[in-house]
C-alpha atoms as a PDB file:
ATOM      1  CA  UNK A   1      78.195 -16.397  85.576  1.00  0.00           C
ATOM      2  CA  UNK A   2      77.199 -12.872  84.604  1.00  0.00           C
ATOM      3  CA  UNK A   3      77.648 -10.042  87.100  1.00  0.00           C
ATOM      4  CA  UNK A   4      74.411  -8.408  88.315  1.00  0.00           C
ATOM      5  CA  UNK A   5      73.460  -5.187  86.586  1.00  0.00           C
ATOM      6  CA  UNK A   6      74.487  -2.090  88.533  1.00  0.00           C
ATOM      7  CA  UNK A   7      71.660  -0.167  90.124  1.00  0.00           C
ATOM      8  CA  UNK A   8      70.660   3.048  88.444  1.00  0.00           C
ATOM      9  CA  UNK A   9      69.066   6.249  89.634  1.00  0.00           C
ATOM     10  CA  UNK A  10      66.087   8.201  88.342  1.00  0.00           C
ATOM     11  CA  UNK A  11      64.065  11.340  88.880  1.00  0.00           C
ATOM     12  CA  UNK A  12      60.272  10.946  88.692  1.00  0.00           C
ATOM     13  CA  UNK A  13      58.173  14.087  88.363  1.00  0.00           C
ATOM     14  CA  UNK A  14      54.742  14.444  89.924  1.00  0.00           C
ATOM     15  CA  UNK A  15      52.483  17.428  90.360  1.00  0.00           C
ATOM     16  CA  UNK A  16      51.781  17.791  94.090  1.00  0.00           C
ATOM     17  CA  UNK A  17      48.160  18.770  93.375  1.00  0.00           C
ATOM     18  CA  UNK A  18      47.693  15.407  91.607  1.00  0.00           C
ATOM     19  CA  UNK A  19      49.936  13.092  93.663  1.00  0.00           C
ATOM     20  CA  UNK A  20      52.319  14.716  96.105  1.00  0.00           C
ATOM     21  CA  UNK A  21      54.973  13.348  98.419  1.00  0.00           C
ATOM     22  CA  UNK A  22      52.647  13.458 101.442  1.00  0.00           C
ATOM     23  CA  UNK A  23      50.121  11.240  99.674  1.00  0.00           C
ATOM     24  CA  UNK A  24      52.862   8.853  98.525  1.00  0.00           C
ATOM     25  CA  UNK A  25      54.482   8.730 101.950  1.00  0.00           C
ATOM     26  CA  UNK A  26      51.119   7.915 103.570  1.00  0.00           C
ATOM     27  CA  UNK A  27      50.568   5.050 101.112  1.00  0.00           C
ATOM     28  CA  UNK A  28      54.249   3.939 101.373  1.00  0.00           C
ATOM     29  CA  UNK A  29      54.118   2.393  97.867  1.00  0.00           C
ATOM     30  CA  UNK A  30      52.456   3.070  94.544  1.00  0.00           C
ATOM     31  CA  UNK A  31      52.356   1.945  90.946  1.00  0.00           C
ATOM     32  CA  UNK A  32      53.654   4.880  88.864  1.00  0.00           C
ATOM     33  CA  UNK A  33      50.772   5.487  86.443  1.00  0.00           C
ATOM     34  CA  UNK A  34      49.804   8.041  83.859  1.00  0.00           C
ATOM     35  CA  UNK A  35      53.087   8.435  81.960  1.00  0.00           C
ATOM     36  CA  UNK A  36      52.073   9.268  78.398  1.00  0.00           C
ATOM     37  CA  UNK A  37      55.362  10.120  76.741  1.00  0.00           C
ATOM     38  CA  UNK A  38      57.045   7.430  74.641  1.00  0.00           C
ATOM     39  CA  UNK A  39      60.587   8.215  75.778  1.00  0.00           C
ATOM     40  CA  UNK A  40      59.576   8.054  79.468  1.00  0.00           C
ATOM     41  CA  UNK A  41      57.491   4.925  78.750  1.00  0.00           C
ATOM     42  CA  UNK A  42      60.521   3.221  77.200  1.00  0.00           C
ATOM     43  CA  UNK A  43      62.595   3.989  80.301  1.00  0.00           C
ATOM     44  CA  UNK A  44      59.907   2.579  82.606  1.00  0.00           C
ATOM     45  CA  UNK A  45      59.412  -0.492  80.438  1.00  0.00           C
ATOM     46  CA  UNK A  46      63.043  -1.289  79.592  1.00  0.00           C
ATOM     47  CA  UNK A  47      65.505   0.491  81.881  1.00  0.00           C
ATOM     48  CA  UNK A  48      64.078   1.121  85.363  1.00  0.00           C
ATOM     49  CA  UNK A  49      64.727  -1.993  87.467  1.00  0.00           C
ATOM     50  CA  UNK A  50      64.001  -3.352  90.943  1.00  0.00           C
ATOM     51  CA  UNK A  51      66.321  -1.762  93.505  1.00  0.00           C
ATOM     52  CA  UNK A  52      66.948   1.430  91.514  1.00  0.00           C
ATOM     53  CA  UNK A  53      66.794   4.709  93.418  1.00  0.00           C
ATOM     54  CA  UNK A  54      64.248   7.434  92.658  1.00  0.00           C
ATOM     55  CA  UNK A  55      64.273  11.150  93.417  1.00  0.00           C
ATOM     56  CA  UNK A  56      60.642  12.207  93.890  1.00  0.00           C
ATOM     57  CA  UNK A  57      60.238  15.642  92.308  1.00  0.00           C
ATOM     58  CA  UNK A  58      57.360  18.092  92.647  1.00  0.00           C
ATOM     59  CA  UNK A  59      56.840  19.683  89.237  1.00  0.00           C
ATOM     60  CA  UNK A  60      54.349  22.395  88.336  1.00  0.00           C
ATOM     61  CA  UNK A  61      54.704  23.696  91.890  1.00  0.00           C
ATOM     62  CA  UNK A  62      56.032  26.798  93.544  1.00  0.00           C
ATOM     63  CA  UNK A  63      58.820  26.038  94.111  1.00  0.00           C
ATOM     64  CA  UNK A  64      59.642  22.964  92.064  1.00  0.00           C
ATOM     65  CA  UNK A  65      61.812  20.684  94.191  1.00  0.00           C
ATOM     66  CA  UNK A  66      63.143  17.234  95.009  1.00  0.00           C
ATOM     67  CA  UNK A  67      61.061  16.265  98.031  1.00  0.00           C
ATOM     68  CA  UNK A  68      61.857  12.624  98.731  1.00  0.00           C
ATOM     69  CA  UNK A  69      63.705   9.398  98.015  1.00  0.00           C
ATOM     70  CA  UNK A  70      62.065   6.207  96.797  1.00  0.00           C
ATOM     71  CA  UNK A  71      63.098   2.764  95.593  1.00  0.00           C
ATOM     72  CA  UNK A  72      61.783   0.688  92.686  1.00  0.00           C
ATOM     73  CA  UNK A  73      60.192  -2.492  94.050  1.00  0.00           C
ATOM     74  CA  UNK A  74      58.620  -3.905  90.861  1.00  0.00           C
ATOM     75  CA  UNK A  75      59.850  -3.528  87.297  1.00  0.00           C
ATOM     76  CA  UNK A  76      57.992  -2.373  84.220  1.00  0.00           C
ATOM     77  CA  UNK A  77      54.526  -3.749  83.585  1.00  0.00           C
ATOM     78  CA  UNK A  78      51.461  -2.456  81.711  1.00  0.00           C
ATOM     79  CA  UNK A  79      49.841   0.615  83.281  1.00  0.00           C
ATOM     80  CA  UNK A  80      46.295  -0.504  84.188  1.00  0.00           C
ATOM     81  CA  UNK A  81      44.879   3.018  83.796  1.00  0.00           C
ATOM     82  CA  UNK A  82      45.220   2.732  80.003  1.00  0.00           C
ATOM     83  CA  UNK A  83      42.452   0.088  80.042  1.00  0.00           C
ATOM     84  CA  UNK A  84      40.096   1.885  82.483  1.00  0.00           C
ATOM     85  CA  UNK A  85      37.457   3.855  80.551  1.00  0.00           C
ATOM     86  CA  UNK A  86      36.834   6.020  83.647  1.00  0.00           C
ATOM     87  CA  UNK A  87      40.506   7.011  84.005  1.00  0.00           C
ATOM     88  CA  UNK A  88      41.863  10.261  82.582  1.00  0.00           C
ATOM     89  CA  UNK A  89      44.738   8.064  81.332  1.00  0.00           C
ATOM     90  CA  UNK A  90      42.484   5.713  79.325  1.00  0.00           C
ATOM     91  CA  UNK A  91      43.868   4.940  75.865  1.00  0.00           C
ATOM     92  CA  UNK A  92      41.395   3.359  73.454  1.00  0.00           C
ATOM     93  CA  UNK A  93      44.301   2.330  71.205  1.00  0.00           C
ATOM     94  CA  UNK A  94      45.818   0.117  73.910  1.00  0.00           C
ATOM     95  CA  UNK A  95      44.883  -3.500  74.456  1.00  0.00           C
ATOM     96  CA  UNK A  96      45.810  -6.167  76.977  1.00  0.00           C
ATOM     97  CA  UNK A  97      47.687  -8.049  74.247  1.00  0.00           C
ATOM     98  CA  UNK A  98      49.436  -4.909  72.969  1.00  0.00           C
ATOM     99  CA  UNK A  99      49.701  -2.408  75.831  1.00  0.00           C
ATOM    100  CA  UNK A 100      51.062   0.991  74.941  1.00  0.00           C
ATOM    101  CA  UNK A 101      51.922   2.363  78.405  1.00  0.00           C
ATOM    102  CA  UNK A 102      53.998   0.996  81.281  1.00  0.00           C
ATOM    103  CA  UNK A 103      54.810   1.845  84.864  1.00  0.00           C
ATOM    104  CA  UNK A 104      56.802   0.559  87.822  1.00  0.00           C
ATOM    105  CA  UNK A 105      56.021   0.174  91.498  1.00  0.00           C
ATOM    106  CA  UNK A 106      57.968   2.316  93.968  1.00  0.00           C
ATOM    107  CA  UNK A 107      58.144   2.615  97.741  1.00  0.00           C
ATOM    108  CA  UNK A 108      58.833   5.722  99.817  1.00  0.00           C
ATOM    109  CA  UNK A 109      62.187   5.681 101.616  1.00  0.00           C
ATOM    110  CA  UNK A 110      62.718   9.139 103.133  1.00  0.00           C
ATOM    111  CA  UNK A 111      61.512  12.705 102.790  1.00  0.00           C
ATOM    112  CA  UNK A 112      63.964  15.424 101.863  1.00  0.00           C
ATOM    113  CA  UNK A 113      63.394  18.305 104.239  1.00  0.00           C
ATOM    114  CA  UNK A 114      63.791  20.992 103.472  1.00  0.00           C
ATOM    115  CA  UNK A 115      63.120  20.194  99.817  1.00  0.00           C
ATOM    116  CA  UNK A 116      65.924  20.795  97.320  1.00  0.00           C
ATOM    117  CA  UNK A 117      64.539  23.442  94.997  1.00  0.00           C
ATOM    118  CA  UNK A 118      65.427  23.522  91.333  1.00  0.00           C
ATOM    119  CA  UNK A 119      66.801  27.042  91.787  1.00  0.00           C
ATOM    120  CA  UNK A 120      69.132  25.859  94.563  1.00  0.00           C
ATOM    121  CA  UNK A 121      70.243  22.859  92.478  1.00  0.00           C
ATOM    122  CA  UNK A 122      71.097  25.176  89.567  1.00  0.00           C
ATOM    123  CA  UNK A 123      73.605  26.963  91.801  1.00  0.00           C
ATOM    124  CA  UNK A 124      75.567  23.763  92.404  1.00  0.00           C
ATOM    125  CA  UNK A 125      78.342  23.439  89.859  1.00  0.00           C
ATOM    126  CA  UNK A 126      78.560  19.701  90.498  1.00  0.00           C
ATOM    127  CA  UNK A 127      75.081  19.287  88.977  1.00  0.00           C
ATOM    128  CA  UNK A 128      75.738  21.292  85.805  1.00  0.00           C
ATOM    129  CA  UNK A 129      75.028  18.363  83.459  1.00  0.00           C
ATOM    130  CA  UNK A 130      71.922  17.062  85.248  1.00  0.00           C
ATOM    131  CA  UNK A 131      69.023  16.571  82.828  1.00  0.00           C
ATOM    132  CA  UNK A 132      66.568  18.282  85.188  1.00  0.00           C
ATOM    133  CA  UNK A 133      68.575  21.494  84.985  1.00  0.00           C
ATOM    134  CA  UNK A 134      68.829  21.614  81.194  1.00  0.00           C
ATOM    135  CA  UNK A 135      66.763  24.239  79.404  1.00  0.00           C
ATOM    136  CA  UNK A 136      63.625  22.699  77.884  1.00  0.00           C
ATOM    137  CA  UNK A 137      63.967  19.408  79.759  1.00  0.00           C
ATOM    138  CA  UNK A 138      60.411  18.288  80.483  1.00  0.00           C
ATOM    139  CA  UNK A 139      60.698  14.491  80.563  1.00  0.00           C
ATOM    140  CA  UNK A 140      58.717  13.067  83.509  1.00  0.00           C
ATOM    141  CA  UNK A 141      61.139  10.159  84.082  1.00  0.00           C
ATOM    142  CA  UNK A 142      64.814  11.063  83.840  1.00  0.00           C
ATOM    143  CA  UNK A 143      68.060   9.196  84.414  1.00  0.00           C
ATOM    144  CA  UNK A 144      70.310  10.568  87.179  1.00  0.00           C
ATOM    145  CA  UNK A 145      74.032   9.794  87.156  1.00  0.00           C
ATOM    146  CA  UNK A 146      75.593   8.085  90.163  1.00  0.00           C
ATOM    147  CA  UNK A 147      77.690  11.197  90.822  1.00  0.00           C
ATOM    148  CA  UNK A 148      74.631  13.479  90.771  1.00  0.00           C
ATOM    149  CA  UNK A 149      72.701  11.045  92.985  1.00  0.00           C
ATOM    150  CA  UNK A 150      75.504  10.960  95.571  1.00  0.00           C
ATOM    151  CA  UNK A 151      75.842  14.731  95.533  1.00  0.00           C
ATOM    152  CA  UNK A 152      72.075  15.253  95.985  1.00  0.00           C
ATOM    153  CA  UNK A 153      71.949  12.743  98.868  1.00  0.00           C
ATOM    154  CA  UNK A 154      74.842  14.552 100.539  1.00  0.00           C
ATOM    155  CA  UNK A 155      73.219  17.954  99.978  1.00  0.00           C
ATOM    156  CA  UNK A 156      69.933  16.639 101.415  1.00  0.00           C
ATOM    157  CA  UNK A 157      71.658  15.126 104.440  1.00  0.00           C
ATOM    158  CA  UNK A 158      70.312  11.652 103.738  1.00  0.00           C
ATOM    159  CA  UNK A 159      72.279   8.441 103.456  1.00  0.00           C
ATOM    160  CA  UNK A 160      72.870   7.093  99.968  1.00  0.00           C
ATOM    161  CA  UNK A 161      70.918   3.865 100.409  1.00  0.00           C
ATOM    162  CA  UNK A 162      71.376   2.653  96.869  1.00  0.00           C
END
């Protein structure tokens, strides 16, 4: 019998003016839509799995910050917004038989208050290799190492529930 795959950890970026933590927390769960980068799509489709932990990150904000913890509750499946002609994420090149874009469903676990700003994270030597903190790193879905995850949970004062 094969051992179960170890849980992984991720950072998902969202602009608070489009879909912020407060909106997510009120809904409690959401399908992560609108990712239109092939590298991030591949992660959502192939790598992000049920039970994985997610750092919810406010990008394009002042300040940018990790604002909450979430958990993946449904694995990769086609993003329905690619088929909706009224959606800003509509993709005329996508079809139901050959979808181009994928997402996952996540549920809110806990807010991080106060938020962990990117500037504060950059000061922590233990996070030196974190993708988020690398110059030019703009990927909207990023892997987070187990060590970085544990350190961030400790810094935030929340239990590592993953």
